[in-house]
């Protein structure tokens, strides 16, 4: 059976989110490679630009970390907006969980937006984490904590994909085949 794959009609935003080790970076890159005039916007790059005074990100965020996280989301949205104005489709990839997802969606109120939440099973996230050079979780219980926030506290916006048993290519095909399910409208700004 062949999956019907389509592309957005005009420059737009694909917001790819999920837990650490869910496959966001890989899927976002592969999706951007499949789209004409595209940009892969890695939200974490804005955090890494802070030289002095960078707050640590983790499960429990300090007030400063929360402020820096919201700043990172606003900078990414502003950058994405400029790329869209220049005729590019932007694949913005970041960890955006809980009520923060609705806040970021509001940043894109004026733009065509597709939200994709990658949500593989916690055991799959743990296996992927074990295969990575970088470490995002302290232990298996931290994965479960983040997974609870994803599934219980994150608004059900856009297309939610359990990618536990999908390859990267299959995930990208699914996203492109289900553009209508991923389409979201924003309302306001952060």
C-alpha atoms as a PDB file:
ATOM      1  CA  UNK A   1       0.000   0.000   0.000  1.00  0.00           C
ATOM      2  CA  UNK A   2       1.392   3.420  -0.954  1.00  0.00           C
ATOM      3  CA  UNK A   3       0.904   6.353   1.398  1.00  0.00           C
ATOM      4  CA  UNK A   4      -0.307   9.561  -0.254  1.00  0.00           C
ATOM      5  CA  UNK A   5       2.361  12.176   0.444  1.00  0.00           C
ATOM      6  CA  UNK A   6       1.713  15.857  -0.087  1.00  0.00           C
ATOM      7  CA  UNK A   7       3.407  19.153   0.667  1.00  0.00           C
ATOM      8  CA  UNK A   8       2.125  22.469   1.996  1.00  0.00           C
ATOM      9  CA  UNK A   9       0.706  24.801  -0.653  1.00  0.00           C
ATOM     10  CA  UNK A  10       2.721  27.802   0.541  1.00  0.00           C
ATOM     11  CA  UNK A  11       5.625  28.531   2.893  1.00  0.00           C
ATOM     12  CA  UNK A  12       4.597  27.459   6.369  1.00  0.00           C
ATOM     13  CA  UNK A  13       5.838  26.296   9.752  1.00  0.00           C
ATOM     14  CA  UNK A  14       6.215  22.704  10.909  1.00  0.00           C
ATOM     15  CA  UNK A  15       6.624  22.672  14.677  1.00  0.00           C
ATOM     16  CA  UNK A  16       8.115  19.324  15.729  1.00  0.00           C
ATOM     17  CA  UNK A  17       8.137  18.587  19.447  1.00  0.00           C
ATOM     18  CA  UNK A  18       8.402  15.679  21.854  1.00  0.00           C
ATOM     19  CA  UNK A  19      10.659  14.342  24.573  1.00  0.00           C
ATOM     20  CA  UNK A  20      14.442  14.277  24.425  1.00  0.00           C
ATOM     21  CA  UNK A  21      15.482  11.239  22.335  1.00  0.00           C
ATOM     22  CA  UNK A  22      12.073  11.088  20.624  1.00  0.00           C
ATOM     23  CA  UNK A  23      13.747  11.656  17.237  1.00  0.00           C
ATOM     24  CA  UNK A  24      12.908  15.346  16.760  1.00  0.00           C
ATOM     25  CA  UNK A  25      16.242  16.420  15.258  1.00  0.00           C
ATOM     26  CA  UNK A  26      16.485  13.521  12.848  1.00  0.00           C
ATOM     27  CA  UNK A  27      12.852  13.720  11.743  1.00  0.00           C
ATOM     28  CA  UNK A  28      13.006  17.516  11.389  1.00  0.00           C
ATOM     29  CA  UNK A  29      16.143  17.327   9.242  1.00  0.00           C
ATOM     30  CA  UNK A  30      14.701  14.608   7.028  1.00  0.00           C
ATOM     31  CA  UNK A  31      11.399  16.495   6.680  1.00  0.00           C
ATOM     32  CA  UNK A  32      13.229  19.717   5.747  1.00  0.00           C
ATOM     33  CA  UNK A  33      15.202  17.775   3.129  1.00  0.00           C
ATOM     34  CA  UNK A  34      11.935  16.655   1.517  1.00  0.00           C
ATOM     35  CA  UNK A  35      10.498  20.175   1.195  1.00  0.00           C
ATOM     36  CA  UNK A  36      11.475  22.771  -1.403  1.00  0.00           C
ATOM     37  CA  UNK A  37      13.045  25.967   0.028  1.00  0.00           C
ATOM     38  CA  UNK A  38      13.187  24.773   3.595  1.00  0.00           C
ATOM     39  CA  UNK A  39      14.934  25.597   6.848  1.00  0.00           C
ATOM     40  CA  UNK A  40      15.623  23.342   9.841  1.00  0.00           C
ATOM     41  CA  UNK A  41      15.377  25.649  12.855  1.00  0.00           C
ATOM     42  CA  UNK A  42      16.840  24.032  15.975  1.00  0.00           C
ATOM     43  CA  UNK A  43      15.327  25.876  18.931  1.00  0.00           C
ATOM     44  CA  UNK A  44      18.027  24.777  21.371  1.00  0.00           C
ATOM     45  CA  UNK A  45      20.641  26.772  19.439  1.00  0.00           C
ATOM     46  CA  UNK A  46      19.232  29.959  21.016  1.00  0.00           C
ATOM     47  CA  UNK A  47      19.850  28.552  24.518  1.00  0.00           C
ATOM     48  CA  UNK A  48      23.411  27.617  23.616  1.00  0.00           C
ATOM     49  CA  UNK A  49      24.105  31.168  22.380  1.00  0.00           C
ATOM     50  CA  UNK A  50      23.935  32.445  25.969  1.00  0.00           C
ATOM     51  CA  UNK A  51      27.573  32.633  27.083  1.00  0.00           C
ATOM     52  CA  UNK A  52      27.228  33.815  30.694  1.00  0.00           C
ATOM     53  CA  UNK A  53      24.132  33.485  32.853  1.00  0.00           C
ATOM     54  CA  UNK A  54      22.605  30.507  31.049  1.00  0.00           C
ATOM     55  CA  UNK A  55      20.145  28.702  33.312  1.00  0.00           C
ATOM     56  CA  UNK A  56      20.175  24.914  33.332  1.00  0.00           C
ATOM     57  CA  UNK A  57      17.194  23.148  31.830  1.00  0.00           C
ATOM     58  CA  UNK A  58      15.755  20.068  33.493  1.00  0.00           C
ATOM     59  CA  UNK A  59      12.537  18.624  34.822  1.00  0.00           C
ATOM     60  CA  UNK A  60      12.214  21.292  37.527  1.00  0.00           C
ATOM     61  CA  UNK A  61      12.875  24.764  36.105  1.00  0.00           C
ATOM     62  CA  UNK A  62      14.023  27.770  38.094  1.00  0.00           C
ATOM     63  CA  UNK A  63      12.293  31.086  37.469  1.00  0.00           C
ATOM     64  CA  UNK A  64      15.314  32.174  35.391  1.00  0.00           C
ATOM     65  CA  UNK A  65      15.212  28.933  33.358  1.00  0.00           C
ATOM     66  CA  UNK A  66      11.504  29.460  32.638  1.00  0.00           C
ATOM     67  CA  UNK A  67      12.194  33.019  31.454  1.00  0.00           C
ATOM     68  CA  UNK A  68      15.064  31.860  29.233  1.00  0.00           C
ATOM     69  CA  UNK A  69      12.929  29.045  27.812  1.00  0.00           C
ATOM     70  CA  UNK A  70      10.143  31.470  26.870  1.00  0.00           C
ATOM     71  CA  UNK A  71      12.754  33.824  25.359  1.00  0.00           C
ATOM     72  CA  UNK A  72      14.145  30.932  23.303  1.00  0.00           C
ATOM     73  CA  UNK A  73      10.656  30.122  22.003  1.00  0.00           C
ATOM     74  CA  UNK A  74       9.991  33.780  21.076  1.00  0.00           C
ATOM     75  CA  UNK A  75      13.341  34.159  19.288  1.00  0.00           C
ATOM     76  CA  UNK A  76      12.735  30.939  17.342  1.00  0.00           C
ATOM     77  CA  UNK A  77       9.252  32.087  16.333  1.00  0.00           C
ATOM     78  CA  UNK A  78      10.577  35.484  15.208  1.00  0.00           C
ATOM     79  CA  UNK A  79      13.310  33.796  13.166  1.00  0.00           C
ATOM     80  CA  UNK A  80      10.815  31.393  11.618  1.00  0.00           C
ATOM     81  CA  UNK A  81       8.533  34.292  10.717  1.00  0.00           C
ATOM     82  CA  UNK A  82      11.379  36.016   8.839  1.00  0.00           C
ATOM     83  CA  UNK A  83      12.203  32.838   6.916  1.00  0.00           C
ATOM     84  CA  UNK A  84       8.541  32.349   5.949  1.00  0.00           C
ATOM     85  CA  UNK A  85       8.366  35.974   4.766  1.00  0.00           C
ATOM     86  CA  UNK A  86      11.358  35.187   2.546  1.00  0.00           C
ATOM     87  CA  UNK A  87       9.520  32.207   1.024  1.00  0.00           C
ATOM     88  CA  UNK A  88      10.931  29.323   3.069  1.00  0.00           C
ATOM     89  CA  UNK A  89       9.052  26.564   4.852  1.00  0.00           C
ATOM     90  CA  UNK A  90      10.466  26.230   8.354  1.00  0.00           C
ATOM     91  CA  UNK A  91      10.758  23.027  10.330  1.00  0.00           C
ATOM     92  CA  UNK A  92      11.126  24.323  13.894  1.00  0.00           C
ATOM     93  CA  UNK A  93      12.197  21.568  16.261  1.00  0.00           C
ATOM     94  CA  UNK A  94      12.351  21.925  20.036  1.00  0.00           C
ATOM     95  CA  UNK A  95      11.187  20.392  23.299  1.00  0.00           C
ATOM     96  CA  UNK A  96       7.896  22.142  23.997  1.00  0.00           C
ATOM     97  CA  UNK A  97       5.794  20.365  26.618  1.00  0.00           C
ATOM     98  CA  UNK A  98       2.846  21.160  28.869  1.00  0.00           C
ATOM     99  CA  UNK A  99       1.028  24.486  28.526  1.00  0.00           C
ATOM    100  CA  UNK A 100       4.091  25.877  26.719  1.00  0.00           C
ATOM    101  CA  UNK A 101       2.913  24.221  23.512  1.00  0.00           C
ATOM    102  CA  UNK A 102      -0.232  26.383  23.351  1.00  0.00           C
ATOM    103  CA  UNK A 103       1.893  29.453  24.108  1.00  0.00           C
ATOM    104  CA  UNK A 104       4.275  28.699  21.246  1.00  0.00           C
ATOM    105  CA  UNK A 105       1.371  28.005  18.878  1.00  0.00           C
ATOM    106  CA  UNK A 106       0.083  31.512  19.698  1.00  0.00           C
ATOM    107  CA  UNK A 107       3.474  32.890  18.567  1.00  0.00           C
ATOM    108  CA  UNK A 108       2.633  31.576  15.100  1.00  0.00           C
ATOM    109  CA  UNK A 109      -0.877  33.070  14.977  1.00  0.00           C
ATOM    110  CA  UNK A 110      -0.289  34.801  11.621  1.00  0.00           C
ATOM    111  CA  UNK A 111       1.409  31.885   9.893  1.00  0.00           C
ATOM    112  CA  UNK A 112       0.295  28.571   8.398  1.00  0.00           C
ATOM    113  CA  UNK A 113       1.256  26.099  11.132  1.00  0.00           C
ATOM    114  CA  UNK A 114       1.537  22.325  11.354  1.00  0.00           C
ATOM    115  CA  UNK A 115       2.230  20.860  14.804  1.00  0.00           C
ATOM    116  CA  UNK A 116       3.692  17.367  15.103  1.00  0.00           C
ATOM    117  CA  UNK A 117       4.202  15.758  18.499  1.00  0.00           C
ATOM    118  CA  UNK A 118       6.490  12.728  18.423  1.00  0.00           C
ATOM    119  CA  UNK A 119       5.470  10.443  21.271  1.00  0.00           C
ATOM    120  CA  UNK A 120       7.213   7.063  21.230  1.00  0.00           C
ATOM    121  CA  UNK A 121       6.729   4.780  24.237  1.00  0.00           C
ATOM    122  CA  UNK A 122       8.982   5.550  27.259  1.00  0.00           C
ATOM    123  CA  UNK A 123      10.888   2.279  26.812  1.00  0.00           C
ATOM    124  CA  UNK A 124      11.724   3.283  23.236  1.00  0.00           C
ATOM    125  CA  UNK A 125      12.859   6.734  24.411  1.00  0.00           C
ATOM    126  CA  UNK A 126      15.087   4.992  26.981  1.00  0.00           C
ATOM    127  CA  UNK A 127      16.607   2.737  24.324  1.00  0.00           C
ATOM    128  CA  UNK A 128      17.236   5.695  22.011  1.00  0.00           C
ATOM    129  CA  UNK A 129      18.760   7.680  24.879  1.00  0.00           C
ATOM    130  CA  UNK A 130      21.117   4.783  25.624  1.00  0.00           C
ATOM    131  CA  UNK A 131      22.297   4.855  22.015  1.00  0.00           C
ATOM    132  CA  UNK A 132      23.130   8.577  22.016  1.00  0.00           C
ATOM    133  CA  UNK A 133      26.415  10.227  22.924  1.00  0.00           C
ATOM    134  CA  UNK A 134      24.672  12.994  24.881  1.00  0.00           C
ATOM    135  CA  UNK A 135      22.591  12.362  27.985  1.00  0.00           C
ATOM    136  CA  UNK A 136      19.340  14.204  28.654  1.00  0.00           C
ATOM    137  CA  UNK A 137      17.893  12.073  31.446  1.00  0.00           C
ATOM    138  CA  UNK A 138      19.244  11.252  34.894  1.00  0.00           C
ATOM    139  CA  UNK A 139      17.595   7.818  34.898  1.00  0.00           C
ATOM    140  CA  UNK A 140      14.561   5.841  33.680  1.00  0.00           C
ATOM    141  CA  UNK A 141      12.248   7.510  36.202  1.00  0.00           C
ATOM    142  CA  UNK A 142      13.070  10.921  34.695  1.00  0.00           C
ATOM    143  CA  UNK A 143      11.918   9.630  31.295  1.00  0.00           C
ATOM    144  CA  UNK A 144       8.626   8.592  32.907  1.00  0.00           C
ATOM    145  CA  UNK A 145       8.275  12.034  34.536  1.00  0.00           C
ATOM    146  CA  UNK A 146       8.732  13.810  31.204  1.00  0.00           C
ATOM    147  CA  UNK A 147       6.429  11.319  29.470  1.00  0.00           C
ATOM    148  CA  UNK A 148       3.698  12.038  32.040  1.00  0.00           C
ATOM    149  CA  UNK A 149       3.963  15.774  31.314  1.00  0.00           C
ATOM    150  CA  UNK A 150       3.802  15.065  27.580  1.00  0.00           C
ATOM    151  CA  UNK A 151       0.746  12.815  27.749  1.00  0.00           C
ATOM    152  CA  UNK A 152      -1.188  14.387  30.643  1.00  0.00           C
ATOM    153  CA  UNK A 153      -0.312  18.089  30.585  1.00  0.00           C
ATOM    154  CA  UNK A 154       0.433  18.938  26.956  1.00  0.00           C
ATOM    155  CA  UNK A 155      -2.582  20.169  24.973  1.00  0.00           C
ATOM    156  CA  UNK A 156      -3.666  17.812  22.172  1.00  0.00           C
ATOM    157  CA  UNK A 157      -2.771  20.145  19.326  1.00  0.00           C
ATOM    158  CA  UNK A 158      -1.859  18.940  15.863  1.00  0.00           C
ATOM    159  CA  UNK A 159      -0.734  15.470  14.894  1.00  0.00           C
ATOM    160  CA  UNK A 160       0.440  13.135  17.662  1.00  0.00           C
ATOM    161  CA  UNK A 161       2.530  10.251  16.333  1.00  0.00           C
ATOM    162  CA  UNK A 162       3.662   7.211  18.262  1.00  0.00           C
ATOM    163  CA  UNK A 163       6.885   6.654  16.362  1.00  0.00           C
ATOM    164  CA  UNK A 164       7.962   3.648  18.438  1.00  0.00           C
ATOM    165  CA  UNK A 165       7.716   1.289  15.473  1.00  0.00           C
ATOM    166  CA  UNK A 166       8.289   3.750  12.609  1.00  0.00           C
ATOM    167  CA  UNK A 167      11.505   4.481  10.772  1.00  0.00           C
ATOM    168  CA  UNK A 168      12.495   8.089  10.186  1.00  0.00           C
ATOM    169  CA  UNK A 169      11.359   7.838   6.541  1.00  0.00           C
ATOM    170  CA  UNK A 170       8.020   6.342   7.590  1.00  0.00           C
ATOM    171  CA  UNK A 171       7.555   9.116  10.155  1.00  0.00           C
ATOM    172  CA  UNK A 172       8.187  11.815   7.548  1.00  0.00           C
ATOM    173  CA  UNK A 173       5.818  10.079   5.105  1.00  0.00           C
ATOM    174  CA  UNK A 174       3.142   9.981   7.822  1.00  0.00           C
ATOM    175  CA  UNK A 175       3.582  13.691   8.565  1.00  0.00           C
ATOM    176  CA  UNK A 176       3.299  14.625   4.884  1.00  0.00           C
ATOM    177  CA  UNK A 177       0.327  12.304   4.363  1.00  0.00           C
ATOM    178  CA  UNK A 178      -1.526  13.830   7.318  1.00  0.00           C
ATOM    179  CA  UNK A 179      -0.939  17.557   6.838  1.00  0.00           C
ATOM    180  CA  UNK A 180      -4.593  18.286   7.567  1.00  0.00           C
ATOM    181  CA  UNK A 181      -4.356  16.544  10.941  1.00  0.00           C
ATOM    182  CA  UNK A 182      -1.234  18.529  11.794  1.00  0.00           C
ATOM    183  CA  UNK A 183      -2.709  21.947  10.822  1.00  0.00           C
ATOM    184  CA  UNK A 184      -3.240  24.294  13.805  1.00  0.00           C
ATOM    185  CA  UNK A 185      -4.304  27.923  14.107  1.00  0.00           C
ATOM    186  CA  UNK A 186      -2.618  30.216  16.626  1.00  0.00           C
ATOM    187  CA  UNK A 187      -4.098  33.147  18.535  1.00  0.00           C
ATOM    188  CA  UNK A 188      -1.884  35.885  19.957  1.00  0.00           C
ATOM    189  CA  UNK A 189       1.732  35.897  21.158  1.00  0.00           C
ATOM    190  CA  UNK A 190       3.924  35.083  24.160  1.00  0.00           C
END
